[in-house]
Amino acid sequence: MRIEEDIKLDFKDVLIRPKRSTLSSRKEVNLNRTFRFKHSDAEWTGVPIMAANMDGVGTFRMAEALFEHRMFTCLTKSYTEDQFGPTIEKIGCDYLAVSTGTSEKDFQRLTRIINNYPEINFICIDVANGYSDHFGDYVSEVRTAWPKKTIIAGNVVTADMTQELILQGADIVKVGIGPGSVCTTRIQTGVGYPQLSAIIECADAAHGLGGHIIADGGCTCPGDVAKAFGAGADFVMLGGMLAGHDEGGGEIIKKYFATGRQFIAGYDKSGVPDYQPYIEAKEFVNFYGMSSDTAMNKHNGGIANYRSSEGRTVEIPYRGKVNNTVLDLLGGVRSTCTYVGANTIKNLSKCTTFVRVTQQFNGVFTK
C-alpha cells in the first residue's frame, strides 16, 4: 500500500483565469480542429465533441443531428450490421464510430460491420476497465486486423496506461473512470481518479507519443467542457449533457405534480368557490449507465452472479431537440476562448491558467 500525497483536481476545483484578449466577438473563434492520427495516418477535421456510446445518446438519430455541427458520435454497441446503411448514406462515416467490446462475439460482430461497410473509419473499443492485459492484447488484435482504421480505446486514467494503449495500437485513448453522472464505479469499487488531473496527465503522456485523448465523463455544463479542453483534451465525450433529447430515443414519461397552488373550478349554489389543486405535468426520459442493472438486463439478459451493477438509472427532464443544447454548449466554449484570447479551440490549452477555488458560482437561486 502507498499513498500519493499530491493534490488531484476535478472540474469543480478550478476556474479559468481570464486574460487580455484581442478577440472582439465569439464569432471570431474557430471550434474546428484538424488531427492526423498516429497509427491510421488518417486526417480528421471537425468540432471535437463526441456523443458517448450510451443508450439514449449514441444513436443514429443523434449522429445525424450532431453531423450538422460537424460533431462526432460513438454509436452504441447494440446496433447490428444491418442497421448502419441509412445513416451512412445520409452523413457518411467521418463523424461516427462503431463501438465494440472485447469478447470473441464482439470481434465477430465488428468484423461483419466492417466487411459490410469498409468505409467506416473509426472503431471505438470500449470497456469500463482498460487496465487488463486482455484489453491491451485486444487493441493490438484490432490494429493488426485493420491497420488503416482509427482506433479509440479506453477507459484509463493514468499516464502509463495511456502510453501502453497507444503503443498497442490505439490512436485515441479514452480517459475517465467513474466521473459520469450515472456511473457508480467509485461507490461500488472505491476506484477512480479526479477527472481534471487525469486529463492533464494522460494528455501529456499521449501527446509525447503522437497520440490523442478523449476526456470521457464528468462534464455537467459548458464550462466543464471548456476546462477539459483547457487541460489538454483533444476530444470531449458527453453522456448526460446530451441525454433526454428526441434524438436519443426512449419513452417519454409524463408525471403530474401538485404545485401547492389552487384555482377556482366553480361555485356551489350558495356562491362558495370550489377550490381545486393546480396540477402541473412534467415529462421525463430514462437515462442509465451502461454498467447498470437496466443496461445489463436489456443487453445481456441480467447481471452475472460474479459482478454487481456499477451504474444508476435516473429520470431526467425531457429536453426536446438536441440542437438548442448544442448551440448553448458551443456558445459557451466560444465565450471561454474570448475570455482568454484563444482564437481557436486548439489554442485554448495554451491560453489556459487554472486557479484553484473553493466555490464555483453563487448558487443562491439554484435548486
Protein backbone atom coordinates (compact mmCIF):
# COMPACT_ATOMS: atom_id res chain seq x y z
CA MET A 1 0.00 0.00 0.00
CA ARG A 2 1.17 3.51 -0.78
CA ILE A 3 -0.34 6.98 -0.69
CA GLU A 4 0.18 9.75 -3.25
CA GLU A 5 0.23 12.98 -1.29
CA ASP A 6 -0.01 15.50 -4.15
CA ILE A 7 -3.44 17.01 -4.74
CA LYS A 8 -5.52 15.80 -7.67
CA LEU A 9 -8.19 18.09 -9.12
CA ASP A 10 -11.66 17.82 -10.57
CA PHE A 11 -13.62 20.33 -12.67
CA LYS A 12 -15.27 21.75 -9.55
CA ASP A 13 -11.88 22.57 -8.01
CA VAL A 14 -10.77 25.17 -10.55
CA LEU A 15 -11.80 28.16 -12.62
CA ILE A 16 -10.05 29.53 -15.72
CA ARG A 17 -8.35 32.86 -15.16
CA PRO A 18 -9.29 35.50 -17.76
CA LYS A 19 -6.55 37.15 -19.80
CA ARG A 20 -6.22 40.10 -22.12
CA SER A 21 -7.81 39.26 -25.46
CA THR A 22 -7.76 40.78 -28.92
CA LEU A 23 -10.99 38.98 -29.85
CA SER A 24 -13.99 41.27 -30.12
CA SER A 25 -16.66 38.64 -30.72
CA ARG A 26 -17.38 34.96 -30.16
CA LYS A 27 -17.85 34.73 -33.94
CA GLU A 28 -14.09 35.07 -34.34
CA VAL A 29 -13.47 31.74 -32.56
CA ASN A 30 -12.96 28.65 -34.72
CA LEU A 31 -14.06 25.48 -32.90
CA ASN A 32 -12.92 23.11 -35.64
CA ARG A 33 -9.73 21.15 -35.20
CA THR A 34 -7.71 19.06 -37.63
CA PHE A 35 -5.94 15.94 -36.38
CA ARG A 36 -3.70 13.40 -38.04
CA PHE A 37 -3.74 10.13 -36.14
CA LYS A 38 -0.63 8.19 -35.21
CA HIS A 39 -1.34 4.68 -36.49
CA SER A 40 -4.05 5.10 -39.11
CA ASP A 41 -2.36 8.22 -40.56
CA ALA A 42 -5.88 9.46 -41.27
CA GLU A 43 -6.76 13.15 -41.10
CA TRP A 44 -9.96 14.40 -39.47
CA THR A 45 -11.46 17.89 -39.22
CA GLY A 46 -14.45 18.83 -37.10
CA VAL A 47 -15.67 20.08 -33.73
CA PRO A 48 -14.01 17.64 -31.29
CA ILE A 49 -17.03 17.00 -29.07
CA MET A 50 -18.42 13.46 -29.02
CA ALA A 51 -21.67 11.78 -28.03
CA ALA A 52 -20.94 8.81 -25.79
CA ASN A 53 -21.76 5.27 -26.90
CA MET A 54 -24.61 5.01 -24.39
CA ASP A 55 -28.25 4.12 -24.81
CA GLY A 56 -30.17 7.36 -25.26
CA VAL A 57 -27.07 9.21 -26.53
CA GLY A 58 -25.04 7.23 -29.07
CA THR A 59 -27.85 6.72 -31.57
CA PHE A 60 -28.08 7.05 -35.33
CA ARG A 61 -30.50 9.95 -34.95
CA MET A 62 -28.03 11.69 -32.65
CA ALA A 63 -25.24 11.13 -35.18
CA GLU A 64 -27.34 12.74 -37.89
CA ALA A 65 -28.16 15.75 -35.68
CA LEU A 66 -24.59 16.28 -34.50
CA PHE A 67 -23.28 15.91 -38.05
CA GLU A 68 -24.92 19.26 -38.83
CA HIS A 69 -22.39 20.82 -36.43
CA ARG A 70 -19.52 18.53 -37.53
CA MET A 71 -19.58 16.87 -34.11
CA PHE A 72 -18.85 13.18 -33.57
CA THR A 73 -20.91 10.22 -32.29
CA CYS A 74 -19.67 6.93 -30.89
CA LEU A 75 -22.56 4.57 -31.59
CA THR A 76 -23.88 2.10 -29.03
CA LYS A 77 -22.66 -1.48 -29.12
CA SER A 78 -26.19 -2.83 -29.59
CA TYR A 79 -26.53 -1.88 -33.27
CA THR A 80 -26.27 -4.78 -35.70
CA GLU A 81 -24.60 -4.75 -39.10
CA ASP A 82 -27.88 -4.35 -40.98
CA GLN A 83 -28.76 -1.07 -39.20
CA PHE A 84 -25.90 1.14 -40.37
CA GLY A 85 -26.91 1.65 -44.00
CA PRO A 86 -29.44 4.53 -43.84
CA THR A 87 -27.32 6.74 -41.59
CA ILE A 88 -24.12 6.12 -43.54
CA GLU A 89 -25.96 7.06 -46.73
CA LYS A 90 -27.06 10.35 -45.12
CA ILE A 91 -23.89 11.52 -43.37
CA GLY A 92 -21.05 9.24 -44.45
CA CYS A 93 -18.56 7.78 -41.97
CA ASP A 94 -16.30 10.66 -40.93
CA TYR A 95 -18.30 11.62 -37.85
CA LEU A 96 -19.23 8.28 -36.31
CA ALA A 97 -17.52 5.29 -34.77
CA VAL A 98 -18.66 1.70 -34.46
CA SER A 99 -18.29 0.60 -30.82
CA THR A 100 -17.27 -2.83 -29.66
CA GLY A 101 -16.45 -4.82 -26.55
CA THR A 102 -13.60 -7.32 -26.29
CA SER A 103 -15.22 -10.76 -26.47
CA GLU A 104 -14.96 -13.13 -29.41
CA LYS A 105 -18.62 -12.43 -30.15
CA ASP A 106 -17.84 -8.70 -30.22
CA PHE A 107 -14.95 -9.26 -32.63
CA GLN A 108 -17.17 -11.27 -34.96
CA ARG A 109 -19.83 -8.54 -34.93
CA LEU A 110 -17.18 -5.87 -35.60
CA THR A 111 -15.83 -7.93 -38.50
CA ARG A 112 -19.27 -8.21 -40.08
CA ILE A 113 -19.88 -4.47 -39.77
CA ILE A 114 -16.50 -3.51 -41.25
CA ASN A 115 -16.92 -6.06 -44.05
CA ASN A 116 -20.35 -4.65 -44.89
CA TYR A 117 -19.25 -1.02 -44.57
CA PRO A 118 -15.50 -0.83 -45.25
CA GLU A 119 -15.80 2.97 -45.48
CA ILE A 120 -16.22 3.16 -41.69
CA ASN A 121 -13.04 4.83 -40.43
CA PHE A 122 -13.38 4.79 -36.63
CA ILE A 123 -13.53 1.87 -34.19
CA CYS A 124 -14.25 2.54 -30.50
CA ILE A 125 -13.08 -0.30 -28.24
CA ASP A 126 -14.91 0.42 -25.02
CA VAL A 127 -14.65 -1.26 -21.61
CA ALA A 128 -15.03 0.05 -18.08
CA ASN A 129 -11.56 -1.15 -17.04
CA GLY A 130 -8.80 -0.61 -19.57
CA TYR A 131 -6.05 -1.92 -17.28
CA SER A 132 -6.26 -5.64 -18.08
CA ASP A 133 -3.66 -7.32 -20.26
CA HIS A 134 -6.54 -8.80 -22.25
CA PHE A 135 -7.70 -5.33 -23.22
CA GLY A 136 -4.28 -4.29 -24.49
CA ASP A 137 -3.99 -7.54 -26.44
CA TYR A 138 -7.42 -6.92 -27.98
CA VAL A 139 -6.43 -3.41 -29.08
CA SER A 140 -3.37 -4.92 -30.73
CA GLU A 141 -5.50 -7.58 -32.42
CA VAL A 142 -7.88 -4.97 -33.85
CA ARG A 143 -4.93 -2.87 -35.04
CA THR A 144 -3.48 -5.90 -36.84
CA ALA A 145 -6.83 -6.71 -38.43
CA TRP A 146 -7.50 -3.14 -39.62
CA PRO A 147 -4.22 -1.23 -39.81
CA LYS A 148 -5.77 1.82 -41.51
CA LYS A 149 -8.70 2.32 -39.16
CA THR A 150 -8.56 4.96 -36.44
CA ILE A 151 -8.88 3.17 -33.10
CA ILE A 152 -10.35 4.72 -29.95
CA ALA A 153 -9.63 2.68 -26.80
CA GLY A 154 -10.37 3.03 -23.10
CA ASN A 155 -11.04 3.71 -20.36
CA VAL A 156 -7.93 4.55 -18.33
CA VAL A 157 -6.87 7.46 -16.11
CA THR A 158 -3.09 7.26 -15.78
CA ALA A 159 -0.17 8.22 -17.96
CA ASP A 160 1.43 4.78 -18.04
CA MET A 161 -1.63 3.00 -19.40
CA THR A 162 -2.33 5.81 -21.85
CA GLN A 163 1.11 5.22 -23.30
CA GLU A 164 0.66 1.45 -23.23
CA LEU A 165 -2.57 1.58 -25.22
CA ILE A 166 -1.01 3.90 -27.80
CA LEU A 167 1.92 1.53 -28.17
CA GLN A 168 -0.54 -1.35 -28.59
CA GLY A 169 -2.19 0.43 -31.49
CA ALA A 170 -4.71 2.97 -30.18
CA ASP A 171 -4.81 6.33 -31.93
CA ILE A 172 -7.04 7.95 -29.31
CA VAL A 173 -7.28 6.94 -25.65
CA LYS A 174 -10.49 7.43 -23.70
CA VAL A 175 -9.80 8.91 -20.24
CA GLY A 176 -12.16 8.62 -17.28
CA ILE A 177 -13.07 6.08 -14.61
CA GLY A 178 -16.12 6.89 -12.52
CA PRO A 179 -16.81 10.60 -13.22
CA GLY A 180 -20.03 10.09 -15.20
CA SER A 181 -23.41 11.22 -13.90
CA VAL A 182 -24.88 7.70 -13.99
CA CYS A 183 -21.70 5.80 -13.11
CA THR A 184 -21.35 4.23 -9.64
CA THR A 185 -17.93 2.62 -10.11
CA ARG A 186 -16.37 4.82 -7.43
CA ILE A 187 -19.12 3.85 -4.99
CA GLN A 188 -19.03 0.13 -5.76
CA THR A 189 -15.25 -0.25 -6.03
CA GLY A 190 -13.55 2.78 -4.49
CA VAL A 191 -11.55 3.10 -7.73
CA GLY A 192 -11.18 6.29 -9.74
CA TYR A 193 -9.14 9.43 -10.37
CA PRO A 194 -10.20 13.10 -10.33
CA GLN A 195 -11.04 13.88 -13.92
CA LEU A 196 -9.22 17.17 -14.47
CA SER A 197 -5.91 15.75 -13.22
CA ALA A 198 -6.46 12.58 -15.26
CA ILE A 199 -6.90 14.68 -18.40
CA ILE A 200 -3.79 16.77 -17.72
CA GLU A 201 -1.56 13.75 -17.03
CA CYS A 202 -2.91 11.49 -19.78
CA ALA A 203 -2.86 14.24 -22.40
CA ASP A 204 0.79 14.94 -21.65
CA ALA A 205 1.62 11.24 -21.95
CA ALA A 206 -0.34 10.76 -25.18
CA HIS A 207 0.97 13.85 -26.93
CA GLY A 208 4.53 12.79 -26.18
CA LEU A 209 3.93 9.70 -28.31
CA GLY A 210 1.94 11.42 -31.03
CA GLY A 211 -1.37 10.09 -29.73
CA HIS A 212 -4.58 11.81 -28.64
CA ILE A 213 -7.07 11.55 -25.77
CA ILE A 214 -10.78 11.91 -25.14
CA ALA A 215 -11.97 13.37 -21.83
CA ASP A 216 -14.83 10.97 -21.13
CA GLY A 217 -17.24 11.90 -18.35
CA GLY A 218 -17.67 14.42 -15.58
CA CYS A 219 -18.85 17.41 -17.60
CA THR A 220 -22.02 18.96 -16.21
CA CYS A 221 -22.08 22.27 -18.11
CA PRO A 222 -20.34 24.07 -21.00
CA GLY A 223 -17.77 25.46 -18.56
CA ASP A 224 -16.61 21.94 -17.71
CA VAL A 225 -16.20 21.15 -21.41
CA ALA A 226 -14.03 24.26 -21.78
CA LYS A 227 -11.96 23.20 -18.76
CA ALA A 228 -11.40 19.76 -20.32
CA PHE A 229 -10.07 21.38 -23.49
CA GLY A 230 -8.03 23.79 -21.40
CA ALA A 231 -6.48 20.83 -19.58
CA GLY A 232 -5.26 19.37 -22.88
CA ALA A 233 -8.05 17.07 -24.04
CA ASP A 234 -8.19 16.63 -27.81
CA PHE A 235 -11.83 15.48 -27.69
CA VAL A 236 -14.53 15.72 -25.03
CA MET A 237 -17.14 12.95 -24.77
CA LEU A 238 -20.59 13.72 -23.31
CA GLY A 239 -23.29 11.46 -21.97
CA GLY A 240 -25.64 13.15 -19.53
CA MET A 241 -25.32 16.56 -21.20
CA LEU A 242 -26.73 15.09 -24.43
CA ALA A 243 -29.30 12.77 -22.82
CA GLY A 244 -33.04 13.39 -22.66
CA HIS A 245 -33.44 14.62 -26.23
CA ASP A 246 -35.62 13.39 -29.08
CA GLU A 247 -32.59 12.09 -30.95
CA GLY A 248 -31.71 9.72 -28.11
CA GLY A 249 -34.96 7.84 -28.41
CA GLY A 250 -36.54 6.34 -25.34
CA GLU A 251 -40.05 6.57 -23.98
CA ILE A 252 -41.24 9.96 -22.73
CA ILE A 253 -42.69 9.56 -19.24
CA LYS A 254 -45.32 12.07 -18.14
CA LYS A 255 -45.76 12.74 -14.42
CA TYR A 256 -48.11 15.02 -12.54
CA PHE A 257 -47.14 17.14 -9.54
CA ALA A 258 -49.14 19.17 -7.06
CA THR A 259 -47.82 22.73 -7.10
CA GLY A 260 -49.34 23.86 -3.81
CA ARG A 261 -51.45 26.39 -5.71
CA GLN A 262 -55.21 26.26 -6.19
CA PHE A 263 -57.72 27.52 -8.72
CA ILE A 264 -61.47 28.11 -8.57
CA ALA A 265 -63.19 25.34 -10.52
CA GLY A 266 -66.67 26.73 -9.97
CA TYR A 267 -69.18 27.77 -7.33
CA ASP A 268 -71.84 25.90 -5.43
CA LYS A 269 -75.45 27.07 -5.13
CA SER A 270 -74.53 29.31 -2.23
CA GLY A 271 -71.80 31.02 -4.24
CA VAL A 272 -68.97 29.37 -2.31
CA PRO A 273 -65.96 28.83 -4.58
CA ASP A 274 -64.80 25.29 -5.26
CA TYR A 275 -61.04 25.32 -4.86
CA GLN A 276 -59.09 22.61 -6.65
CA PRO A 277 -55.33 21.91 -6.51
CA TYR A 278 -53.36 23.07 -9.53
CA ILE A 279 -51.56 20.04 -11.02
CA GLU A 280 -48.54 20.51 -13.27
CA ALA A 281 -47.47 17.95 -15.88
CA LYS A 282 -43.75 17.32 -16.47
CA GLU A 283 -42.05 15.00 -18.95
CA PHE A 284 -39.04 12.78 -18.30
CA VAL A 285 -36.85 10.23 -20.07
CA ASN A 286 -34.99 7.31 -18.50
CA PHE A 287 -31.19 7.55 -18.62
CA TYR A 288 -28.87 4.87 -17.31
CA GLY A 289 -25.23 3.85 -17.16
CA MET A 290 -24.09 1.06 -19.44
CA SER A 291 -22.95 -0.99 -16.43
CA SER A 292 -26.27 -0.52 -14.65
CA ASP A 293 -28.73 -3.32 -13.98
CA THR A 294 -31.08 -1.67 -16.52
CA ALA A 295 -28.47 -1.92 -19.30
CA MET A 296 -27.36 -5.43 -18.37
CA ASN A 297 -30.93 -6.69 -18.23
CA LYS A 298 -31.61 -5.12 -21.63
CA HIS A 299 -28.47 -6.25 -23.46
CA ASN A 300 -27.06 -9.23 -21.52
CA GLY A 301 -30.09 -10.91 -20.04
CA GLY A 302 -29.28 -9.82 -16.50
CA ILE A 303 -26.39 -9.28 -14.10
CA ALA A 304 -23.91 -12.15 -13.96
CA ASN A 305 -23.56 -13.63 -10.48
CA TYR A 306 -19.89 -12.66 -10.28
CA ARG A 307 -20.42 -8.92 -10.71
CA SER A 308 -22.52 -6.03 -9.46
CA SER A 309 -24.21 -3.08 -11.08
CA GLU A 310 -21.88 -0.09 -11.49
CA GLY A 311 -24.41 2.34 -12.87
CA ARG A 312 -27.63 4.03 -11.86
CA THR A 313 -30.93 4.58 -13.66
CA VAL A 314 -32.47 8.04 -13.39
CA GLU A 315 -35.34 10.02 -14.83
CA ILE A 316 -34.11 13.23 -16.42
CA PRO A 317 -36.25 16.08 -17.79
CA TYR A 318 -37.27 15.67 -21.41
CA ARG A 319 -35.39 18.33 -23.39
CA GLY A 320 -36.80 18.24 -26.94
CA LYS A 321 -34.47 18.64 -29.90
CA VAL A 322 -30.74 18.44 -29.23
CA ASN A 323 -29.93 21.45 -31.45
CA ASN A 324 -30.63 24.07 -28.76
CA THR A 325 -28.42 22.23 -26.28
CA VAL A 326 -25.62 22.00 -28.84
CA LEU A 327 -25.82 25.72 -29.67
CA ASP A 328 -25.69 26.58 -25.97
CA LEU A 329 -22.68 24.28 -25.50
CA LEU A 330 -20.73 25.62 -28.46
CA GLY A 331 -21.57 29.19 -27.49
CA GLY A 332 -20.19 28.60 -24.01
CA VAL A 333 -16.90 27.21 -25.30
CA ARG A 334 -16.56 30.10 -27.75
CA SER A 335 -17.11 32.50 -24.89
CA THR A 336 -14.37 30.80 -22.87
CA CYS A 337 -12.00 31.30 -25.77
CA THR A 338 -12.79 35.03 -25.91
CA TYR A 339 -12.10 35.38 -22.17
CA VAL A 340 -8.55 34.01 -22.54
CA GLY A 341 -7.67 35.21 -26.04
CA ALA A 342 -7.77 31.87 -27.87
CA ASN A 343 -8.95 32.30 -31.46
CA THR A 344 -9.12 28.53 -31.99
CA ILE A 345 -10.02 25.63 -29.75
CA LYS A 346 -6.53 24.27 -30.40
CA ASN A 347 -5.04 27.32 -28.69
CA LEU A 348 -7.33 27.11 -25.66
CA SER A 349 -4.97 24.89 -23.67
CA LYS A 350 -2.07 27.23 -24.45
CA CYS A 351 -4.05 30.17 -23.09
CA THR A 352 -5.46 28.44 -20.01
CA THR A 353 -4.33 29.11 -16.46
CA PHE A 354 -6.34 27.32 -13.79
CA VAL A 355 -6.88 28.84 -10.39
CA ARG A 356 -7.91 26.61 -7.50
CA VAL A 357 -11.16 27.64 -5.84
CA THR A 358 -13.49 26.59 -3.03
CA GLN A 359 -16.66 27.81 -4.79
CA GLN A 360 -17.63 27.72 -8.45
CA PHE A 361 -20.54 30.14 -8.56
CA ASN A 362 -23.23 31.87 -6.49
CA GLY A 363 -25.90 29.22 -6.12
CA VAL A 364 -28.48 31.16 -4.14
CA PHE A 365 -31.13 30.80 -6.86
CA THR A 366 -30.27 27.28 -7.99
CA LYS A 367 -32.16 24.22 -6.82
